[in-house]
N, C-alpha and C. Protein backbone atom coordinates (compact mmCIF):
# COMPACT_ATOMS: atom_id res chain seq x y z
N UNK A 1 48.47 0.98 0.84
CA UNK A 1 47.45 1.68 1.61
C UNK A 1 46.35 2.21 0.69
N UNK A 2 46.77 2.82 -0.44
CA UNK A 2 45.77 3.37 -1.37
C UNK A 2 44.86 2.27 -1.91
N UNK A 3 45.45 1.08 -2.18
CA UNK A 3 44.65 -0.03 -2.70
C UNK A 3 43.62 -0.48 -1.67
N UNK A 4 44.01 -0.51 -0.41
CA UNK A 4 43.09 -0.93 0.67
C UNK A 4 41.92 0.04 0.78
N UNK A 5 42.21 1.33 0.73
CA UNK A 5 41.15 2.34 0.80
C UNK A 5 40.23 2.23 -0.41
N UNK A 6 40.81 2.04 -1.59
CA UNK A 6 40.02 1.90 -2.81
C UNK A 6 39.14 0.66 -2.74
N UNK A 7 39.71 -0.45 -2.28
CA UNK A 7 38.95 -1.69 -2.17
C UNK A 7 37.80 -1.55 -1.18
N UNK A 8 38.05 -0.93 -0.04
CA UNK A 8 36.99 -0.71 0.95
C UNK A 8 35.90 0.19 0.37
N UNK A 9 36.29 1.23 -0.35
CA UNK A 9 35.30 2.14 -0.96
C UNK A 9 34.44 1.40 -1.97
N UNK A 10 35.04 0.53 -2.77
CA UNK A 10 34.29 -0.24 -3.76
C UNK A 10 33.33 -1.20 -3.07
N UNK A 11 33.79 -1.88 -2.03
CA UNK A 11 32.92 -2.80 -1.29
C UNK A 11 31.75 -2.06 -0.68
N UNK A 12 32.00 -0.92 -0.05
CA UNK A 12 30.91 -0.14 0.55
C UNK A 12 29.94 0.37 -0.50
N UNK A 13 30.44 0.78 -1.64
CA UNK A 13 29.59 1.30 -2.71
C UNK A 13 28.60 0.26 -3.20
N UNK A 14 29.08 -0.99 -3.35
CA UNK A 14 28.23 -2.02 -3.93
C UNK A 14 27.58 -2.94 -2.91
N UNK A 15 27.87 -2.79 -1.65
CA UNK A 15 27.33 -3.71 -0.65
C UNK A 15 25.82 -3.62 -0.50
N UNK A 16 25.23 -2.45 -0.72
CA UNK A 16 23.79 -2.31 -0.58
C UNK A 16 23.03 -2.53 -1.86
N UNK A 17 23.72 -2.75 -2.96
CA UNK A 17 23.06 -2.86 -4.26
C UNK A 17 22.62 -4.29 -4.52
N UNK A 18 21.47 -4.43 -5.17
CA UNK A 18 20.97 -5.74 -5.56
C UNK A 18 20.90 -5.75 -7.08
N UNK A 19 22.02 -5.77 -7.70
CA UNK A 19 22.05 -5.80 -9.16
C UNK A 19 21.88 -4.43 -9.75
N UNK A 20 21.81 -4.39 -11.05
CA UNK A 20 21.74 -3.13 -11.79
C UNK A 20 20.43 -2.39 -11.55
N UNK A 21 19.35 -3.12 -11.27
CA UNK A 21 18.05 -2.50 -11.07
C UNK A 21 18.09 -1.44 -9.98
N UNK A 22 18.79 -1.70 -8.90
CA UNK A 22 18.89 -0.76 -7.80
C UNK A 22 19.53 0.55 -8.24
N UNK A 23 20.55 0.46 -9.08
CA UNK A 23 21.27 1.65 -9.53
C UNK A 23 20.40 2.55 -10.39
N UNK A 24 19.50 1.99 -11.18
CA UNK A 24 18.70 2.79 -12.09
C UNK A 24 17.51 3.45 -11.39
N UNK A 25 17.25 3.12 -10.13
CA UNK A 25 16.11 3.69 -9.43
C UNK A 25 16.48 4.93 -8.63
N UNK A 26 17.65 5.47 -8.86
CA UNK A 26 18.11 6.62 -8.12
C UNK A 26 17.42 7.88 -8.64
N UNK A 27 16.74 8.61 -7.76
CA UNK A 27 16.11 9.86 -8.22
C UNK A 27 17.17 10.89 -8.58
N UNK A 28 16.78 11.84 -9.41
CA UNK A 28 17.74 12.89 -9.77
C UNK A 28 17.90 13.90 -8.64
N UNK A 29 16.92 13.90 -7.73
CA UNK A 29 16.96 14.82 -6.59
C UNK A 29 15.97 14.32 -5.55
N UNK A 30 16.20 14.65 -4.30
CA UNK A 30 15.25 14.36 -3.23
C UNK A 30 15.01 15.66 -2.48
N UNK A 31 13.76 16.10 -2.48
CA UNK A 31 13.40 17.33 -1.78
C UNK A 31 12.82 16.95 -0.42
N UNK A 32 13.34 17.53 0.63
CA UNK A 32 12.85 17.27 1.99
C UNK A 32 12.44 18.60 2.58
N UNK A 33 11.18 18.65 3.03
CA UNK A 33 10.68 19.88 3.67
C UNK A 33 9.61 19.51 4.68
N UNK A 34 9.75 20.01 5.88
CA UNK A 34 8.75 19.78 6.92
C UNK A 34 8.53 18.32 7.23
N UNK A 35 9.58 17.51 7.13
CA UNK A 35 9.46 16.09 7.43
C UNK A 35 8.92 15.25 6.29
N UNK A 36 8.65 15.87 5.14
CA UNK A 36 8.15 15.14 3.98
C UNK A 36 9.29 15.02 2.97
N UNK A 37 9.49 13.81 2.48
CA UNK A 37 10.56 13.55 1.52
C UNK A 37 9.94 13.20 0.17
N UNK A 38 10.33 13.94 -0.87
CA UNK A 38 9.82 13.70 -2.22
C UNK A 38 10.99 13.40 -3.15
N UNK A 39 11.18 12.13 -3.53
CA UNK A 39 12.17 11.82 -4.56
C UNK A 39 11.65 12.33 -5.91
N UNK A 40 12.53 12.96 -6.67
CA UNK A 40 12.15 13.51 -7.98
C UNK A 40 12.89 12.71 -9.06
N UNK A 41 12.11 12.15 -9.97
CA UNK A 41 12.65 11.30 -11.04
C UNK A 41 12.40 11.92 -12.40
N UNK A 42 13.33 11.69 -13.34
CA UNK A 42 12.99 11.85 -14.74
C UNK A 42 12.52 10.45 -15.17
N UNK A 43 11.98 10.30 -16.37
CA UNK A 43 11.42 9.01 -16.71
C UNK A 43 12.47 7.92 -16.81
N UNK A 44 13.64 8.26 -17.29
CA UNK A 44 14.70 7.25 -17.43
C UNK A 44 15.01 6.60 -16.09
N UNK A 45 15.12 7.39 -15.04
CA UNK A 45 15.41 6.82 -13.72
C UNK A 45 14.17 6.21 -13.07
N UNK A 46 12.99 6.65 -13.46
CA UNK A 46 11.73 6.14 -12.90
C UNK A 46 11.31 4.81 -13.52
N UNK A 47 11.60 4.60 -14.79
CA UNK A 47 11.06 3.48 -15.56
C UNK A 47 11.27 2.13 -14.90
N UNK A 48 12.39 1.92 -14.24
CA UNK A 48 12.64 0.62 -13.62
C UNK A 48 11.64 0.32 -12.49
N UNK A 49 11.02 1.35 -11.92
CA UNK A 49 10.01 1.13 -10.88
C UNK A 49 8.75 0.45 -11.44
N UNK A 50 8.62 0.47 -12.77
CA UNK A 50 7.48 -0.16 -13.42
C UNK A 50 7.71 -1.64 -13.71
N UNK A 51 8.91 -2.13 -13.40
CA UNK A 51 9.27 -3.50 -13.80
C UNK A 51 9.98 -4.28 -12.70
N UNK A 52 9.71 -3.99 -11.46
CA UNK A 52 10.35 -4.71 -10.36
C UNK A 52 9.68 -6.07 -10.23
N UNK A 53 10.48 -7.11 -10.19
CA UNK A 53 9.95 -8.47 -10.11
C UNK A 53 10.50 -9.13 -8.84
N UNK A 54 9.88 -8.82 -7.71
CA UNK A 54 10.35 -9.34 -6.43
C UNK A 54 9.24 -10.04 -5.66
N UNK A 55 8.16 -10.39 -6.35
CA UNK A 55 7.07 -11.11 -5.70
C UNK A 55 6.00 -10.23 -5.09
N UNK A 56 6.24 -8.93 -5.02
CA UNK A 56 5.24 -8.01 -4.46
C UNK A 56 4.25 -7.59 -5.55
N UNK A 57 3.04 -7.27 -5.10
CA UNK A 57 2.05 -6.65 -5.97
C UNK A 57 2.24 -5.14 -5.83
N UNK A 58 2.30 -4.45 -6.94
CA UNK A 58 2.51 -3.00 -6.91
C UNK A 58 1.32 -2.28 -7.53
N UNK A 59 0.88 -1.25 -6.81
CA UNK A 59 -0.13 -0.33 -7.32
C UNK A 59 0.57 1.00 -7.54
N UNK A 60 0.63 1.43 -8.77
CA UNK A 60 1.28 2.70 -9.10
C UNK A 60 0.19 3.61 -9.65
N UNK A 61 -0.04 4.70 -8.93
CA UNK A 61 -1.10 5.64 -9.30
C UNK A 61 -0.47 6.96 -9.75
N UNK A 62 -0.83 7.39 -10.97
CA UNK A 62 -0.39 8.68 -11.50
C UNK A 62 -1.48 9.69 -11.20
N UNK A 63 -1.12 10.79 -10.56
CA UNK A 63 -2.09 11.75 -10.07
C UNK A 63 -1.45 13.14 -9.98
N UNK A 64 -2.24 14.13 -9.59
CA UNK A 64 -1.73 15.48 -9.33
C UNK A 64 -2.68 16.18 -8.37
N UNK A 65 -2.16 17.17 -7.65
CA UNK A 65 -2.98 17.89 -6.68
C UNK A 65 -4.08 18.70 -7.33
N UNK A 66 -3.94 19.03 -8.61
CA UNK A 66 -4.94 19.83 -9.32
C UNK A 66 -6.02 18.97 -9.97
N UNK A 67 -5.95 17.66 -9.82
CA UNK A 67 -6.88 16.73 -10.46
C UNK A 67 -7.92 16.26 -9.44
N UNK A 68 -9.16 16.74 -9.60
CA UNK A 68 -10.23 16.41 -8.64
C UNK A 68 -10.49 14.91 -8.50
N UNK A 69 -10.65 14.17 -9.60
CA UNK A 69 -10.87 12.72 -9.45
C UNK A 69 -9.68 12.02 -8.78
N UNK A 70 -8.47 12.52 -9.01
CA UNK A 70 -7.28 11.95 -8.37
C UNK A 70 -7.37 12.12 -6.85
N UNK A 71 -7.70 13.31 -6.44
CA UNK A 71 -7.79 13.63 -5.01
C UNK A 71 -8.89 12.80 -4.35
N UNK A 72 -9.99 12.61 -5.08
CA UNK A 72 -11.11 11.84 -4.52
C UNK A 72 -10.74 10.39 -4.25
N UNK A 73 -9.87 9.80 -5.07
CA UNK A 73 -9.54 8.39 -4.88
C UNK A 73 -8.32 8.15 -4.00
N UNK A 74 -7.55 9.15 -3.69
CA UNK A 74 -6.35 8.96 -2.87
C UNK A 74 -6.61 8.26 -1.53
N UNK A 75 -7.70 8.58 -0.84
CA UNK A 75 -7.96 7.86 0.43
C UNK A 75 -8.09 6.35 0.23
N UNK A 76 -8.54 5.91 -0.94
CA UNK A 76 -8.67 4.47 -1.19
C UNK A 76 -7.29 3.82 -1.34
N UNK A 77 -6.37 4.53 -1.97
CA UNK A 77 -5.01 4.01 -2.08
C UNK A 77 -4.35 3.97 -0.69
N UNK A 78 -4.67 4.95 0.13
CA UNK A 78 -4.14 4.96 1.50
C UNK A 78 -4.68 3.78 2.30
N UNK A 79 -5.96 3.48 2.14
CA UNK A 79 -6.54 2.31 2.82
C UNK A 79 -5.88 1.02 2.36
N UNK A 80 -5.71 0.89 1.05
CA UNK A 80 -5.05 -0.30 0.51
C UNK A 80 -3.64 -0.40 1.08
N UNK A 81 -2.93 0.72 1.12
CA UNK A 81 -1.57 0.73 1.65
C UNK A 81 -1.54 0.23 3.10
N UNK A 82 -2.46 0.72 3.92
CA UNK A 82 -2.45 0.32 5.33
C UNK A 82 -2.95 -1.11 5.53
N UNK A 83 -3.91 -1.55 4.74
CA UNK A 83 -4.50 -2.88 4.92
C UNK A 83 -3.68 -4.00 4.29
N UNK A 84 -2.95 -3.71 3.22
CA UNK A 84 -2.28 -4.76 2.46
C UNK A 84 -0.76 -4.70 2.48
N UNK A 85 -0.20 -3.73 3.16
CA UNK A 85 1.26 -3.59 3.19
C UNK A 85 1.94 -4.85 3.70
N UNK A 86 1.39 -5.44 4.75
CA UNK A 86 1.97 -6.65 5.34
C UNK A 86 1.70 -7.90 4.49
N UNK A 87 0.88 -7.75 3.45
CA UNK A 87 0.56 -8.88 2.57
C UNK A 87 1.33 -8.80 1.26
N UNK A 88 2.39 -7.99 1.24
CA UNK A 88 3.24 -7.92 0.05
C UNK A 88 2.73 -6.98 -1.04
N UNK A 89 1.97 -5.96 -0.65
CA UNK A 89 1.46 -4.98 -1.60
C UNK A 89 2.17 -3.65 -1.35
N UNK A 90 2.64 -3.04 -2.40
CA UNK A 90 3.32 -1.75 -2.29
C UNK A 90 2.58 -0.71 -3.13
N UNK A 91 2.22 0.39 -2.50
CA UNK A 91 1.54 1.50 -3.18
C UNK A 91 2.56 2.60 -3.45
N UNK A 92 2.55 3.09 -4.68
CA UNK A 92 3.42 4.20 -5.07
C UNK A 92 2.55 5.25 -5.75
N UNK A 93 2.53 6.45 -5.18
CA UNK A 93 1.77 7.56 -5.74
C UNK A 93 2.73 8.45 -6.52
N UNK A 94 2.51 8.52 -7.82
CA UNK A 94 3.40 9.27 -8.71
C UNK A 94 2.75 10.60 -9.04
N UNK A 95 3.26 11.64 -8.42
CA UNK A 95 2.72 12.98 -8.65
C UNK A 95 3.22 13.52 -9.98
N UNK A 96 2.30 14.11 -10.73
CA UNK A 96 2.64 14.77 -11.99
C UNK A 96 2.52 16.28 -11.85
N UNK A 97 2.57 16.76 -10.61
CA UNK A 97 2.56 18.20 -10.35
C UNK A 97 3.81 18.82 -10.95
N UNK A 98 3.76 20.11 -11.18
CA UNK A 98 4.93 20.83 -11.67
C UNK A 98 5.99 20.88 -10.57
N UNK A 99 7.25 20.76 -10.92
CA UNK A 99 8.31 20.84 -9.91
C UNK A 99 8.26 22.14 -9.11
N UNK A 100 7.80 23.21 -9.73
CA UNK A 100 7.71 24.50 -9.02
C UNK A 100 6.61 24.49 -7.96
N UNK A 101 5.71 23.50 -8.00
CA UNK A 101 4.61 23.41 -7.04
C UNK A 101 4.86 22.42 -5.91
N UNK A 102 6.01 21.77 -5.90
CA UNK A 102 6.27 20.76 -4.88
C UNK A 102 6.22 21.36 -3.48
N UNK A 103 6.96 22.44 -3.26
CA UNK A 103 7.01 23.03 -1.92
C UNK A 103 5.72 23.77 -1.55
N UNK A 104 5.12 24.44 -2.52
CA UNK A 104 3.95 25.28 -2.21
C UNK A 104 2.62 24.53 -2.23
N UNK A 105 2.52 23.43 -2.98
CA UNK A 105 1.24 22.72 -3.10
C UNK A 105 1.32 21.24 -2.71
N UNK A 106 2.28 20.51 -3.29
CA UNK A 106 2.33 19.06 -3.07
C UNK A 106 2.63 18.70 -1.62
N UNK A 107 3.70 19.23 -1.07
CA UNK A 107 4.07 18.89 0.31
C UNK A 107 3.00 19.32 1.31
N UNK A 108 2.46 20.56 1.22
CA UNK A 108 1.36 20.91 2.15
C UNK A 108 0.15 19.99 2.01
N UNK A 109 -0.17 19.59 0.77
CA UNK A 109 -1.29 18.67 0.56
C UNK A 109 -1.03 17.33 1.24
N UNK A 110 0.15 16.78 1.05
CA UNK A 110 0.49 15.48 1.65
C UNK A 110 0.43 15.54 3.17
N UNK A 111 0.90 16.63 3.73
CA UNK A 111 0.87 16.79 5.18
C UNK A 111 -0.57 16.92 5.68
N UNK A 112 -1.36 17.76 5.02
CA UNK A 112 -2.74 17.98 5.44
C UNK A 112 -3.56 16.69 5.36
N UNK A 113 -3.35 15.92 4.29
CA UNK A 113 -4.11 14.68 4.08
C UNK A 113 -3.48 13.48 4.81
N UNK A 114 -2.33 13.70 5.44
CA UNK A 114 -1.61 12.66 6.18
C UNK A 114 -1.36 11.42 5.32
N UNK A 115 -0.84 11.66 4.12
CA UNK A 115 -0.54 10.58 3.19
C UNK A 115 0.67 9.80 3.70
N UNK A 116 0.50 8.51 3.85
CA UNK A 116 1.57 7.63 4.35
C UNK A 116 2.19 6.80 3.24
N UNK A 117 1.50 6.64 2.12
CA UNK A 117 2.04 5.89 0.98
C UNK A 117 3.27 6.62 0.45
N UNK A 118 4.12 5.87 -0.22
CA UNK A 118 5.31 6.48 -0.83
C UNK A 118 4.86 7.37 -1.99
N UNK A 119 5.41 8.59 -2.03
CA UNK A 119 5.08 9.56 -3.08
C UNK A 119 6.38 9.97 -3.76
N UNK A 120 6.34 9.96 -5.09
CA UNK A 120 7.47 10.47 -5.87
C UNK A 120 6.92 11.47 -6.88
N UNK A 121 7.79 12.34 -7.36
CA UNK A 121 7.42 13.30 -8.40
C UNK A 121 8.08 12.85 -9.69
N UNK A 122 7.28 12.74 -10.75
CA UNK A 122 7.82 12.43 -12.07
C UNK A 122 7.95 13.75 -12.81
N UNK A 123 9.18 14.19 -13.00
CA UNK A 123 9.48 15.46 -13.64
C UNK A 123 10.18 15.18 -14.96
N UNK A 124 9.38 14.95 -15.99
CA UNK A 124 9.93 14.72 -17.32
C UNK A 124 8.97 15.34 -18.32
N UNK A 125 9.33 16.49 -18.89
CA UNK A 125 8.41 17.21 -19.75
C UNK A 125 8.09 16.52 -21.08
N UNK A 126 8.85 15.50 -21.45
CA UNK A 126 8.62 14.83 -22.73
C UNK A 126 7.59 13.71 -22.59
N UNK A 127 6.39 14.09 -22.17
CA UNK A 127 5.32 13.11 -21.91
C UNK A 127 4.96 12.28 -23.14
N UNK A 128 5.06 12.87 -24.32
CA UNK A 128 4.72 12.11 -25.53
C UNK A 128 5.64 10.91 -25.73
N UNK A 129 6.82 10.97 -25.17
CA UNK A 129 7.76 9.85 -25.27
C UNK A 129 7.52 8.82 -24.17
N UNK A 130 7.31 9.29 -22.91
CA UNK A 130 7.23 8.32 -21.82
C UNK A 130 5.85 7.75 -21.56
N UNK A 131 4.77 8.44 -21.90
CA UNK A 131 3.42 7.92 -21.64
C UNK A 131 3.21 6.55 -22.30
N UNK A 132 3.53 6.37 -23.60
CA UNK A 132 3.33 5.03 -24.18
C UNK A 132 4.26 3.96 -23.59
N UNK A 133 5.35 4.37 -22.96
CA UNK A 133 6.23 3.39 -22.30
C UNK A 133 5.60 2.90 -20.99
N UNK A 134 4.78 3.74 -20.38
CA UNK A 134 4.04 3.31 -19.19
C UNK A 134 2.97 2.32 -19.63
N UNK A 135 2.19 2.70 -20.65
CA UNK A 135 1.19 1.81 -21.24
C UNK A 135 0.79 2.33 -22.61
N UNK A 136 0.75 1.43 -23.58
CA UNK A 136 0.30 1.79 -24.93
C UNK A 136 -1.16 2.26 -24.90
N UNK A 137 -1.91 1.83 -23.89
CA UNK A 137 -3.32 2.18 -23.76
C UNK A 137 -3.54 3.59 -23.21
N UNK A 138 -2.51 4.20 -22.65
CA UNK A 138 -2.67 5.45 -21.91
C UNK A 138 -2.68 6.65 -22.84
N UNK A 139 -3.77 7.43 -22.76
CA UNK A 139 -3.87 8.67 -23.55
C UNK A 139 -3.12 9.82 -22.88
N UNK A 140 -2.81 9.64 -21.58
CA UNK A 140 -2.15 10.69 -20.82
C UNK A 140 -3.04 11.31 -19.76
N UNK A 141 -4.33 10.96 -19.77
CA UNK A 141 -5.26 11.48 -18.76
C UNK A 141 -4.97 10.86 -17.40
N UNK A 142 -5.26 11.63 -16.36
CA UNK A 142 -5.13 11.11 -15.01
C UNK A 142 -6.46 11.27 -14.30
N UNK A 143 -6.74 10.43 -13.30
CA UNK A 143 -5.86 9.44 -12.72
C UNK A 143 -5.66 8.24 -13.65
N UNK A 144 -4.51 7.62 -13.49
CA UNK A 144 -4.17 6.39 -14.19
C UNK A 144 -3.44 5.50 -13.20
N UNK A 145 -3.70 4.21 -13.29
CA UNK A 145 -3.15 3.26 -12.33
C UNK A 145 -2.66 2.01 -13.02
N UNK A 146 -1.52 1.53 -12.56
CA UNK A 146 -0.99 0.23 -12.97
C UNK A 146 -1.00 -0.65 -11.73
N UNK A 147 -1.50 -1.86 -11.89
CA UNK A 147 -1.39 -2.88 -10.85
C UNK A 147 -0.61 -4.02 -11.49
N UNK A 148 0.52 -4.37 -10.88
CA UNK A 148 1.31 -5.44 -11.48
C UNK A 148 2.03 -6.28 -10.44
N UNK A 149 2.33 -7.48 -10.89
CA UNK A 149 3.17 -8.41 -10.12
C UNK A 149 3.95 -9.19 -11.15
N UNK A 150 5.27 -9.05 -11.13
CA UNK A 150 6.09 -9.72 -12.13
C UNK A 150 5.73 -9.24 -13.52
N UNK A 151 5.40 -10.17 -14.39
CA UNK A 151 5.07 -9.85 -15.78
C UNK A 151 3.57 -9.60 -16.00
N UNK A 152 2.75 -9.89 -14.99
CA UNK A 152 1.31 -9.68 -15.12
C UNK A 152 0.98 -8.26 -14.72
N UNK A 153 0.31 -7.54 -15.62
CA UNK A 153 0.03 -6.14 -15.33
C UNK A 153 -1.31 -5.73 -15.93
N UNK A 154 -1.97 -4.85 -15.17
CA UNK A 154 -3.24 -4.27 -15.62
C UNK A 154 -3.09 -2.75 -15.57
N UNK A 155 -3.62 -2.09 -16.59
CA UNK A 155 -3.57 -0.63 -16.65
C UNK A 155 -4.99 -0.09 -16.67
N UNK A 156 -5.21 0.99 -15.91
CA UNK A 156 -6.54 1.61 -15.81
C UNK A 156 -6.40 3.12 -15.96
N UNK A 157 -7.10 3.66 -16.91
CA UNK A 157 -7.14 5.11 -17.10
C UNK A 157 -8.51 5.59 -16.62
N UNK A 158 -8.65 5.63 -15.28
CA UNK A 158 -9.93 5.98 -14.67
C UNK A 158 -9.72 6.14 -13.18
N UNK A 159 -10.75 6.60 -12.50
CA UNK A 159 -10.69 6.67 -11.04
C UNK A 159 -11.40 5.44 -10.47
N UNK A 160 -11.15 5.19 -9.19
CA UNK A 160 -11.67 4.01 -8.51
C UNK A 160 -12.45 4.38 -7.27
N UNK A 161 -13.42 3.53 -6.92
CA UNK A 161 -13.96 3.51 -5.57
C UNK A 161 -13.07 2.54 -4.79
N UNK A 162 -13.22 2.52 -3.49
CA UNK A 162 -12.42 1.61 -2.69
C UNK A 162 -12.69 0.16 -3.07
N UNK A 163 -13.96 -0.21 -3.19
CA UNK A 163 -14.31 -1.59 -3.52
C UNK A 163 -13.80 -2.00 -4.89
N UNK A 164 -13.87 -1.10 -5.87
CA UNK A 164 -13.34 -1.40 -7.21
C UNK A 164 -11.83 -1.63 -7.15
N UNK A 165 -11.14 -0.78 -6.41
CA UNK A 165 -9.69 -0.91 -6.31
C UNK A 165 -9.32 -2.23 -5.62
N UNK A 166 -10.02 -2.55 -4.57
CA UNK A 166 -9.77 -3.80 -3.84
C UNK A 166 -10.04 -5.02 -4.73
N UNK A 167 -11.09 -4.96 -5.53
CA UNK A 167 -11.42 -6.05 -6.44
C UNK A 167 -10.30 -6.26 -7.47
N UNK A 168 -9.80 -5.15 -8.02
CA UNK A 168 -8.73 -5.25 -9.03
C UNK A 168 -7.44 -5.75 -8.39
N UNK A 169 -7.16 -5.30 -7.19
CA UNK A 169 -5.97 -5.75 -6.46
C UNK A 169 -6.01 -7.25 -6.21
N UNK A 170 -7.15 -7.75 -5.82
CA UNK A 170 -7.29 -9.17 -5.48
C UNK A 170 -7.06 -10.07 -6.69
N UNK A 171 -7.22 -9.54 -7.90
CA UNK A 171 -6.93 -10.33 -9.11
C UNK A 171 -5.45 -10.70 -9.17
N UNK A 172 -4.62 -9.90 -8.51
CA UNK A 172 -3.18 -10.12 -8.56
C UNK A 172 -2.66 -10.95 -7.38
N UNK A 173 -3.48 -11.18 -6.40
CA UNK A 173 -3.01 -11.86 -5.18
C UNK A 173 -3.27 -13.35 -5.23
């Protein structure tokens, strides 16, 4: 009986997994408040999100609620998300806000702006270690964006207009 229960538990545990990549994408915490869900990652658990090779084009934008140029371009990422989601494009907004500001600033901002793109919080204070792993070109300034598909990737340490973002996205399609 114990073996049957153990076997069933093992099957259930691994039935939803697609290889090791799925296991490494687990956030260290998920904060849910007012219907908004924010997965919180350290860089080790986040890093695999930068290397998914499933045929989709990914736009990963690093931003924060206190960054004016970041806020100005967020509507363009939202437009891309709504217009290109069915075409195999995935938008991920990576907030670099302080963890102490998630409930008081980040979640209210997301609700007020009606952000529909997936948002995660990157909570890893050792930025000097993880920034060059995101891109050797990155000084650490935000906004910063990666557009990639498989092994082809472009990194931008700047803000975008909608047309500029769409032009860069189309290079990957």
